[in-house]
Amino acid sequence: MAASMLKVAMGTASRALSSGARAALWKLGRLNHVAIAVPAMDEARAFYRDVLGARVSEPVALPEHGVLTAFVELGGAKLELLEPLGPDSPVRRFLDRNRQGGVHHVCIEVDHLAAAIQQLRARQVRTLSPEARIGAHGKPVIFLHPKDCGGVLVELEEA
């Protein structure tokens, strides 16, 4: 799967470079976090804190996103633990298909989110919401449709 994703990414990049497209008005930044859907926040936090010895934040409810979230500090990036807040949560639907949990999405920082959204939409990359919303770090975020991103749910966050 990684090879096919690389092939898709390389094909897209080479088309953009060879088409004479204007330089991007935004830049992709660092990996901010990898989100993991968990069926039980307390158990997941205990594993990363007590077994692996990581610093783990207290859980915070984000009702507008339908999740309870906590962050595991890993130096330059983080793991985000996501527990659904109710039956309508996108994370609940994920856990219905993956009962033990698993990788839910990756979050990458961008230096100008509005420009990124505009340019990606012009390139037929769909977003899961019409507008950016405030995410767990208090910054604007938007999710890109996994069918347009090699099967990966990608969250872009304003740096």
N, C-alpha and C. Protein backbone atom coordinates (compact mmCIF):
# COMPACT_ATOMS: atom_id res chain seq x y z
N MET A 1 0.81 -1.18 0.00
CA MET A 1 0.00 0.00 0.00
C MET A 1 0.86 1.25 0.00
N ALA A 2 1.95 1.25 0.79
CA ALA A 2 2.84 2.41 0.84
C ALA A 2 3.42 2.70 -0.53
N ALA A 3 3.76 1.65 -1.27
CA ALA A 3 4.32 1.84 -2.60
C ALA A 3 3.30 2.48 -3.53
N SER A 4 2.03 2.04 -3.43
CA SER A 4 1.01 2.63 -4.30
C SER A 4 0.74 4.08 -3.92
N MET A 5 0.78 4.41 -2.61
CA MET A 5 0.59 5.79 -2.18
C MET A 5 1.73 6.66 -2.68
N LEU A 6 2.96 6.14 -2.63
CA LEU A 6 4.10 6.88 -3.12
C LEU A 6 3.97 7.13 -4.61
N LYS A 7 3.52 6.11 -5.33
CA LYS A 7 3.34 6.25 -6.78
C LYS A 7 2.30 7.33 -7.09
N VAL A 8 1.19 7.33 -6.33
CA VAL A 8 0.16 8.36 -6.52
C VAL A 8 0.73 9.73 -6.20
N ALA A 9 1.43 9.84 -5.07
CA ALA A 9 2.01 11.12 -4.67
C ALA A 9 3.04 11.60 -5.69
N MET A 10 3.89 10.72 -6.14
CA MET A 10 4.91 11.11 -7.11
C MET A 10 4.26 11.52 -8.44
N GLY A 11 3.22 10.81 -8.85
CA GLY A 11 2.53 11.16 -10.08
C GLY A 11 1.89 12.53 -9.97
N THR A 12 1.26 12.81 -8.84
CA THR A 12 0.64 14.11 -8.63
C THR A 12 1.69 15.21 -8.61
N ALA A 13 2.80 14.96 -7.90
CA ALA A 13 3.86 15.96 -7.82
C ALA A 13 4.47 16.22 -9.18
N SER A 14 4.72 15.17 -9.95
CA SER A 14 5.36 15.38 -11.24
C SER A 14 4.41 16.09 -12.20
N ARG A 15 3.11 15.81 -12.12
CA ARG A 15 2.15 16.52 -12.96
C ARG A 15 2.14 18.00 -12.61
N ALA A 16 2.15 18.30 -11.30
CA ALA A 16 2.12 19.70 -10.87
C ALA A 16 3.38 20.42 -11.33
N LEU A 17 4.53 19.75 -11.21
CA LEU A 17 5.78 20.39 -11.62
C LEU A 17 5.87 20.53 -13.13
N SER A 18 5.43 19.51 -13.85
CA SER A 18 5.56 19.55 -15.29
C SER A 18 4.49 20.39 -15.96
N SER A 19 3.40 20.70 -15.23
CA SER A 19 2.32 21.46 -15.85
C SER A 19 2.58 22.96 -15.82
N GLY A 20 3.67 23.37 -15.19
CA GLY A 20 3.96 24.78 -15.09
C GLY A 20 3.05 25.49 -14.10
N ALA A 21 2.49 24.75 -13.15
CA ALA A 21 1.59 25.34 -12.16
C ALA A 21 2.34 26.38 -11.33
N ARG A 22 1.59 27.40 -10.92
CA ARG A 22 2.17 28.45 -10.07
C ARG A 22 2.66 27.85 -8.77
N ALA A 23 3.61 28.50 -8.20
CA ALA A 23 4.10 28.07 -6.89
C ALA A 23 2.96 28.16 -5.88
N ALA A 24 2.96 27.28 -4.93
CA ALA A 24 1.93 27.25 -3.91
C ALA A 24 1.97 28.53 -3.07
N LEU A 25 0.81 28.97 -2.64
CA LEU A 25 0.71 30.13 -1.76
C LEU A 25 0.82 29.73 -0.30
N TRP A 26 1.09 28.45 -0.08
CA TRP A 26 1.20 27.90 1.27
C TRP A 26 2.26 26.82 1.25
N LYS A 27 2.74 26.50 2.42
CA LYS A 27 3.76 25.45 2.54
C LYS A 27 3.32 24.42 3.57
N LEU A 28 3.60 23.16 3.22
CA LEU A 28 3.37 22.06 4.13
C LEU A 28 4.44 22.11 5.20
N GLY A 29 4.04 21.95 6.44
CA GLY A 29 4.98 22.01 7.54
C GLY A 29 5.27 20.64 8.13
N ARG A 30 5.47 20.62 9.42
CA ARG A 30 5.86 19.38 10.11
C ARG A 30 4.65 18.54 10.48
N LEU A 31 4.91 17.27 10.74
CA LEU A 31 3.89 16.39 11.28
C LEU A 31 3.57 16.87 12.68
N ASN A 32 2.31 17.16 12.94
CA ASN A 32 1.91 17.61 14.26
C ASN A 32 1.56 16.42 15.14
N HIS A 33 0.69 15.54 14.62
CA HIS A 33 0.33 14.36 15.39
C HIS A 33 -0.25 13.26 14.51
N VAL A 34 -0.25 12.06 15.07
CA VAL A 34 -0.95 10.92 14.51
C VAL A 34 -2.05 10.61 15.51
N ALA A 35 -3.29 10.56 15.04
CA ALA A 35 -4.43 10.34 15.93
C ALA A 35 -4.79 8.86 15.96
N ILE A 36 -5.06 8.39 17.16
CA ILE A 36 -5.41 6.99 17.38
C ILE A 36 -6.77 6.93 18.05
N ALA A 37 -7.73 6.27 17.41
CA ALA A 37 -9.04 6.06 18.00
C ALA A 37 -8.91 4.98 19.07
N VAL A 38 -9.47 5.25 20.24
CA VAL A 38 -9.38 4.30 21.35
C VAL A 38 -10.77 4.04 21.91
N PRO A 39 -11.07 2.80 22.29
CA PRO A 39 -12.38 2.51 22.87
C PRO A 39 -12.51 2.98 24.32
N ALA A 40 -11.37 3.13 25.02
CA ALA A 40 -11.40 3.53 26.44
C ALA A 40 -10.23 4.46 26.72
N MET A 41 -10.52 5.74 26.90
CA MET A 41 -9.48 6.75 27.10
C MET A 41 -8.61 6.45 28.32
N ASP A 42 -9.21 6.10 29.44
CA ASP A 42 -8.41 5.87 30.65
C ASP A 42 -7.40 4.75 30.45
N GLU A 43 -7.82 3.66 29.80
CA GLU A 43 -6.90 2.54 29.55
C GLU A 43 -5.79 2.96 28.59
N ALA A 44 -6.13 3.69 27.55
CA ALA A 44 -5.13 4.13 26.57
C ALA A 44 -4.12 5.07 27.22
N ARG A 45 -4.60 6.03 28.00
CA ARG A 45 -3.70 6.96 28.69
C ARG A 45 -2.78 6.21 29.64
N ALA A 46 -3.33 5.24 30.36
CA ALA A 46 -2.52 4.46 31.31
C ALA A 46 -1.42 3.69 30.57
N PHE A 47 -1.73 3.12 29.42
CA PHE A 47 -0.72 2.39 28.67
C PHE A 47 0.44 3.30 28.28
N TYR A 48 0.15 4.43 27.66
CA TYR A 48 1.24 5.32 27.22
C TYR A 48 1.99 5.93 28.40
N ARG A 49 1.28 6.24 29.48
CA ARG A 49 1.90 6.86 30.65
C ARG A 49 2.64 5.84 31.51
N ASP A 50 1.96 4.75 31.89
CA ASP A 50 2.50 3.83 32.89
C ASP A 50 3.37 2.73 32.29
N VAL A 51 3.06 2.29 31.09
CA VAL A 51 3.83 1.22 30.47
C VAL A 51 4.99 1.79 29.64
N LEU A 52 4.69 2.80 28.81
CA LEU A 52 5.73 3.35 27.96
C LEU A 52 6.47 4.53 28.58
N GLY A 53 5.93 5.10 29.64
CA GLY A 53 6.61 6.18 30.34
C GLY A 53 6.49 7.55 29.69
N ALA A 54 5.48 7.75 28.86
CA ALA A 54 5.31 9.03 28.16
C ALA A 54 4.55 10.02 29.03
N ARG A 55 4.73 11.30 28.71
CA ARG A 55 3.89 12.35 29.30
C ARG A 55 2.58 12.37 28.53
N VAL A 56 1.47 12.31 29.26
CA VAL A 56 0.15 12.27 28.63
C VAL A 56 -0.71 13.36 29.26
N SER A 57 -1.35 14.15 28.41
CA SER A 57 -2.20 15.24 28.91
C SER A 57 -3.49 14.69 29.51
N GLU A 58 -4.15 15.54 30.24
CA GLU A 58 -5.49 15.22 30.73
C GLU A 58 -6.45 15.24 29.54
N PRO A 59 -7.51 14.43 29.57
CA PRO A 59 -8.49 14.45 28.48
C PRO A 59 -9.26 15.76 28.44
N VAL A 60 -9.60 16.18 27.22
CA VAL A 60 -10.39 17.38 27.00
C VAL A 60 -11.52 17.02 26.04
N ALA A 61 -12.73 17.40 26.39
CA ALA A 61 -13.88 17.15 25.52
C ALA A 61 -13.95 18.22 24.44
N LEU A 62 -14.15 17.76 23.21
CA LEU A 62 -14.36 18.65 22.07
C LEU A 62 -15.71 18.29 21.44
N PRO A 63 -16.81 18.77 22.03
CA PRO A 63 -18.12 18.36 21.54
C PRO A 63 -18.37 18.70 20.07
N GLU A 64 -17.79 19.81 19.59
CA GLU A 64 -18.00 20.18 18.19
C GLU A 64 -17.36 19.18 17.22
N HIS A 65 -16.42 18.39 17.71
CA HIS A 65 -15.79 17.34 16.91
C HIS A 65 -16.28 15.95 17.32
N GLY A 66 -17.04 15.88 18.41
CA GLY A 66 -17.59 14.62 18.87
C GLY A 66 -16.59 13.69 19.53
N VAL A 67 -15.53 14.28 20.14
CA VAL A 67 -14.48 13.43 20.72
C VAL A 67 -14.01 13.95 22.08
N LEU A 68 -13.46 13.03 22.83
CA LEU A 68 -12.65 13.31 24.00
C LEU A 68 -11.22 13.08 23.53
N THR A 69 -10.33 14.01 23.80
CA THR A 69 -8.98 13.91 23.26
C THR A 69 -7.92 14.10 24.34
N ALA A 70 -6.81 13.40 24.19
CA ALA A 70 -5.64 13.58 25.06
C ALA A 70 -4.41 13.41 24.18
N PHE A 71 -3.32 14.07 24.56
CA PHE A 71 -2.11 14.03 23.75
C PHE A 71 -0.97 13.34 24.49
N VAL A 72 -0.25 12.50 23.74
CA VAL A 72 0.94 11.82 24.23
C VAL A 72 2.13 12.55 23.63
N GLU A 73 2.99 13.10 24.48
CA GLU A 73 4.15 13.88 24.00
C GLU A 73 5.26 12.95 23.54
N LEU A 74 5.77 13.19 22.33
CA LEU A 74 6.83 12.35 21.77
C LEU A 74 8.02 13.19 21.29
N GLY A 75 8.27 14.32 21.89
CA GLY A 75 9.34 15.17 21.40
C GLY A 75 8.83 16.09 20.32
N GLY A 76 9.18 15.82 19.07
CA GLY A 76 8.80 16.70 17.97
C GLY A 76 7.38 16.54 17.48
N ALA A 77 6.72 15.47 17.81
CA ALA A 77 5.35 15.24 17.37
C ALA A 77 4.57 14.62 18.53
N LYS A 78 3.30 14.36 18.31
CA LYS A 78 2.46 13.82 19.37
C LYS A 78 1.60 12.69 18.81
N LEU A 79 1.08 11.90 19.72
CA LEU A 79 -0.03 11.00 19.42
C LEU A 79 -1.26 11.65 20.03
N GLU A 80 -2.35 11.66 19.30
CA GLU A 80 -3.61 12.15 19.83
C GLU A 80 -4.52 10.95 20.06
N LEU A 81 -4.96 10.77 21.29
CA LEU A 81 -5.88 9.70 21.62
C LEU A 81 -7.30 10.25 21.49
N LEU A 82 -8.15 9.54 20.76
CA LEU A 82 -9.51 9.99 20.50
C LEU A 82 -10.51 8.95 20.98
N GLU A 83 -11.40 9.37 21.87
CA GLU A 83 -12.51 8.52 22.29
C GLU A 83 -13.80 9.23 21.86
N PRO A 84 -14.75 8.50 21.30
CA PRO A 84 -15.99 9.15 20.86
C PRO A 84 -16.81 9.68 22.04
N LEU A 85 -17.49 10.80 21.79
CA LEU A 85 -18.35 11.39 22.82
C LEU A 85 -19.80 10.96 22.69
N GLY A 86 -20.13 10.25 21.65
CA GLY A 86 -21.51 9.81 21.49
C GLY A 86 -21.66 8.95 20.26
N PRO A 87 -22.88 8.49 20.00
CA PRO A 87 -23.11 7.58 18.88
C PRO A 87 -22.93 8.22 17.50
N ASP A 88 -23.02 9.54 17.42
CA ASP A 88 -22.88 10.23 16.13
C ASP A 88 -21.46 10.66 15.83
N SER A 89 -20.54 10.37 16.72
CA SER A 89 -19.14 10.76 16.53
C SER A 89 -18.52 10.00 15.36
N PRO A 90 -17.74 10.68 14.50
CA PRO A 90 -17.03 9.97 13.44
C PRO A 90 -16.08 8.90 14.01
N VAL A 91 -15.58 9.15 15.20
CA VAL A 91 -14.69 8.16 15.83
C VAL A 91 -15.48 6.94 16.27
N ARG A 92 -16.75 7.11 16.65
CA ARG A 92 -17.60 5.96 17.00
C ARG A 92 -17.76 5.08 15.78
N ARG A 93 -18.03 5.69 14.63
CA ARG A 93 -18.19 4.91 13.39
C ARG A 93 -16.89 4.17 13.06
N PHE A 94 -15.74 4.81 13.29
CA PHE A 94 -14.45 4.16 13.07
C PHE A 94 -14.30 2.96 14.00
N LEU A 95 -14.64 3.14 15.28
CA LEU A 95 -14.52 2.04 16.25
C LEU A 95 -15.52 0.92 15.99
N ASP A 96 -16.65 1.24 15.39
CA ASP A 96 -17.60 0.19 15.02
C ASP A 96 -16.98 -0.77 14.01
N ARG A 97 -16.08 -0.24 13.17
CA ARG A 97 -15.40 -1.08 12.17
C ARG A 97 -14.07 -1.63 12.68
N ASN A 98 -13.49 -1.00 13.70
CA ASN A 98 -12.18 -1.38 14.25
C ASN A 98 -12.31 -1.37 15.77
N ARG A 99 -12.86 -2.43 16.32
CA ARG A 99 -13.25 -2.47 17.74
C ARG A 99 -12.11 -2.20 18.73
N GLN A 100 -10.89 -2.57 18.39
CA GLN A 100 -9.78 -2.33 19.31
C GLN A 100 -9.15 -0.95 19.12
N GLY A 101 -9.62 -0.22 18.12
CA GLY A 101 -9.06 1.10 17.82
C GLY A 101 -8.00 1.00 16.75
N GLY A 102 -7.30 2.09 16.54
CA GLY A 102 -6.25 2.11 15.54
C GLY A 102 -6.01 3.51 15.03
N VAL A 103 -5.08 3.61 14.08
CA VAL A 103 -4.73 4.91 13.52
C VAL A 103 -5.95 5.50 12.81
N HIS A 104 -6.32 6.70 13.19
CA HIS A 104 -7.49 7.37 12.64
C HIS A 104 -7.12 8.40 11.57
N HIS A 105 -6.12 9.27 11.87
CA HIS A 105 -5.70 10.28 10.89
C HIS A 105 -4.31 10.78 11.22
N VAL A 106 -3.74 11.51 10.26
CA VAL A 106 -2.48 12.21 10.49
C VAL A 106 -2.76 13.70 10.37
N CYS A 107 -2.07 14.48 11.17
CA CYS A 107 -2.24 15.94 11.15
C CYS A 107 -0.91 16.58 10.75
N ILE A 108 -0.99 17.41 9.72
CA ILE A 108 0.20 18.10 9.21
C ILE A 108 -0.07 19.59 9.28
N GLU A 109 0.92 20.33 9.74
CA GLU A 109 0.78 21.77 9.82
C GLU A 109 0.98 22.42 8.45
N VAL A 110 0.28 23.51 8.22
CA VAL A 110 0.48 24.34 7.03
C VAL A 110 0.61 25.78 7.49
N ASP A 111 1.35 26.57 6.72
CA ASP A 111 1.58 27.95 7.15
C ASP A 111 0.44 28.90 6.80
N HIS A 112 -0.44 28.52 5.89
CA HIS A 112 -1.57 29.38 5.50
C HIS A 112 -2.74 28.48 5.11
N LEU A 113 -3.56 28.13 6.09
CA LEU A 113 -4.62 27.14 5.88
C LEU A 113 -5.63 27.57 4.82
N ALA A 114 -6.06 28.82 4.82
CA ALA A 114 -7.06 29.26 3.85
C ALA A 114 -6.54 29.10 2.42
N ALA A 115 -5.29 29.43 2.18
CA ALA A 115 -4.70 29.27 0.85
C ALA A 115 -4.57 27.80 0.49
N ALA A 116 -4.22 26.98 1.47
CA ALA A 116 -4.10 25.53 1.22
C ALA A 116 -5.46 24.96 0.82
N ILE A 117 -6.51 25.33 1.54
CA ILE A 117 -7.85 24.83 1.23
C ILE A 117 -8.25 25.25 -0.18
N GLN A 118 -8.05 26.50 -0.50
CA GLN A 118 -8.43 27.01 -1.82
C GLN A 118 -7.69 26.26 -2.93
N GLN A 119 -6.39 26.11 -2.78
CA GLN A 119 -5.61 25.46 -3.84
C GLN A 119 -5.92 23.96 -3.93
N LEU A 120 -6.10 23.30 -2.80
CA LEU A 120 -6.42 21.87 -2.83
C LEU A 120 -7.79 21.63 -3.46
N ARG A 121 -8.76 22.45 -3.13
CA ARG A 121 -10.08 22.30 -3.75
C ARG A 121 -10.00 22.53 -5.26
N ALA A 122 -9.18 23.48 -5.68
CA ALA A 122 -8.99 23.72 -7.12
C ALA A 122 -8.39 22.50 -7.80
N ARG A 123 -7.68 21.69 -7.03
CA ARG A 123 -7.07 20.46 -7.55
C ARG A 123 -7.96 19.24 -7.29
N GLN A 124 -9.22 19.48 -7.00
CA GLN A 124 -10.24 18.44 -6.80
C GLN A 124 -10.02 17.60 -5.55
N VAL A 125 -9.35 18.14 -4.55
CA VAL A 125 -9.22 17.45 -3.26
C VAL A 125 -10.38 17.94 -2.39
N ARG A 126 -11.23 17.02 -1.98
CA ARG A 126 -12.41 17.36 -1.18
C ARG A 126 -12.04 17.51 0.29
N THR A 127 -12.79 18.38 0.96
CA THR A 127 -12.68 18.52 2.41
C THR A 127 -13.93 17.92 3.03
N LEU A 128 -13.83 17.51 4.28
CA LEU A 128 -14.97 16.88 4.95
C LEU A 128 -15.93 17.88 5.56
N SER A 129 -15.57 19.15 5.56
CA SER A 129 -16.47 20.21 6.03
C SER A 129 -16.31 21.40 5.10
N PRO A 130 -17.32 22.24 5.02
CA PRO A 130 -17.23 23.38 4.11
C PRO A 130 -16.20 24.43 4.57
N GLU A 131 -15.97 24.51 5.87
CA GLU A 131 -15.04 25.50 6.41
C GLU A 131 -14.16 24.86 7.48
N ALA A 132 -13.03 25.51 7.73
CA ALA A 132 -12.16 25.07 8.82
C ALA A 132 -12.88 25.31 10.15
N ARG A 133 -12.54 24.48 11.14
CA ARG A 133 -13.06 24.63 12.49
C ARG A 133 -11.88 24.71 13.45
N ILE A 134 -12.13 25.13 14.65
CA ILE A 134 -11.08 25.19 15.65
C ILE A 134 -10.85 23.77 16.18
N GLY A 135 -9.59 23.34 16.18
CA GLY A 135 -9.22 22.01 16.62
C GLY A 135 -8.76 21.96 18.07
N ALA A 136 -8.18 20.84 18.44
CA ALA A 136 -7.78 20.57 19.82
C ALA A 136 -6.69 21.51 20.32
N HIS A 137 -5.90 22.08 19.42
CA HIS A 137 -4.84 23.01 19.83
C HIS A 137 -5.29 24.46 19.79
N GLY A 138 -6.59 24.69 19.56
CA GLY A 138 -7.11 26.05 19.49
C GLY A 138 -6.79 26.75 18.18
N LYS A 139 -6.42 25.99 17.17
CA LYS A 139 -6.07 26.55 15.86
C LYS A 139 -7.03 26.01 14.81
N PRO A 140 -7.20 26.73 13.69
CA PRO A 140 -8.08 26.23 12.63
C PRO A 140 -7.55 24.94 12.02
N VAL A 141 -8.47 24.01 11.75
CA VAL A 141 -8.13 22.73 11.12
C VAL A 141 -9.18 22.39 10.08
N ILE A 142 -8.80 21.54 9.14
CA ILE A 142 -9.76 20.97 8.19
C ILE A 142 -9.27 19.58 7.83
N PHE A 143 -10.22 18.68 7.57
CA PHE A 143 -9.89 17.32 7.19
C PHE A 143 -10.08 17.15 5.69
N LEU A 144 -9.14 16.44 5.06
CA LEU A 144 -9.20 16.14 3.64
C LEU A 144 -9.77 14.74 3.45
N HIS A 145 -10.57 14.58 2.41
CA HIS A 145 -11.24 13.29 2.18
C HIS A 145 -10.20 12.20 1.92
N PRO A 146 -10.28 11.06 2.63
CA PRO A 146 -9.30 10.00 2.44
C PRO A 146 -9.27 9.44 1.02
N LYS A 147 -10.39 9.47 0.31
CA LYS A 147 -10.40 8.96 -1.06
C LYS A 147 -9.56 9.83 -1.99
N ASP A 148 -9.28 11.06 -1.59
CA ASP A 148 -8.44 11.95 -2.40
C ASP A 148 -7.00 12.00 -1.90
N CYS A 149 -6.72 11.23 -0.84
CA CYS A 149 -5.39 11.28 -0.19
C CYS A 149 -4.80 9.89 -0.02
N GLY A 150 -4.97 9.05 -1.02
CA GLY A 150 -4.39 7.71 -0.96
C GLY A 150 -4.94 6.84 0.15
N GLY A 151 -6.19 7.09 0.57
CA GLY A 151 -6.80 6.27 1.62
C GLY A 151 -6.51 6.75 3.03
N VAL A 152 -5.83 7.87 3.17
CA VAL A 152 -5.46 8.38 4.51
C VAL A 152 -6.30 9.61 4.82
N LEU A 153 -6.91 9.63 6.00
CA LEU A 153 -7.60 10.82 6.47
C LEU A 153 -6.52 11.81 6.92
N VAL A 154 -6.46 12.96 6.28
CA VAL A 154 -5.43 13.96 6.55
C VAL A 154 -6.09 15.19 7.17
N GLU A 155 -5.56 15.63 8.30
CA GLU A 155 -6.00 16.87 8.94
C GLU A 155 -4.91 17.90 8.68
N LEU A 156 -5.30 19.06 8.20
CA LEU A 156 -4.38 20.18 8.06
C LEU A 156 -4.65 21.17 9.18
N GLU A 157 -3.59 21.63 9.83
CA GLU A 157 -3.72 22.57 10.95
C GLU A 157 -2.89 23.82 10.68
N GLU A 158 -3.48 24.97 10.90
CA GLU A 158 -2.73 26.23 10.75
C GLU A 158 -1.58 26.23 11.74
N ALA A 159 -0.40 26.49 11.26
CA ALA A 159 0.81 26.49 12.14
C ALA A 159 0.84 27.72 13.02
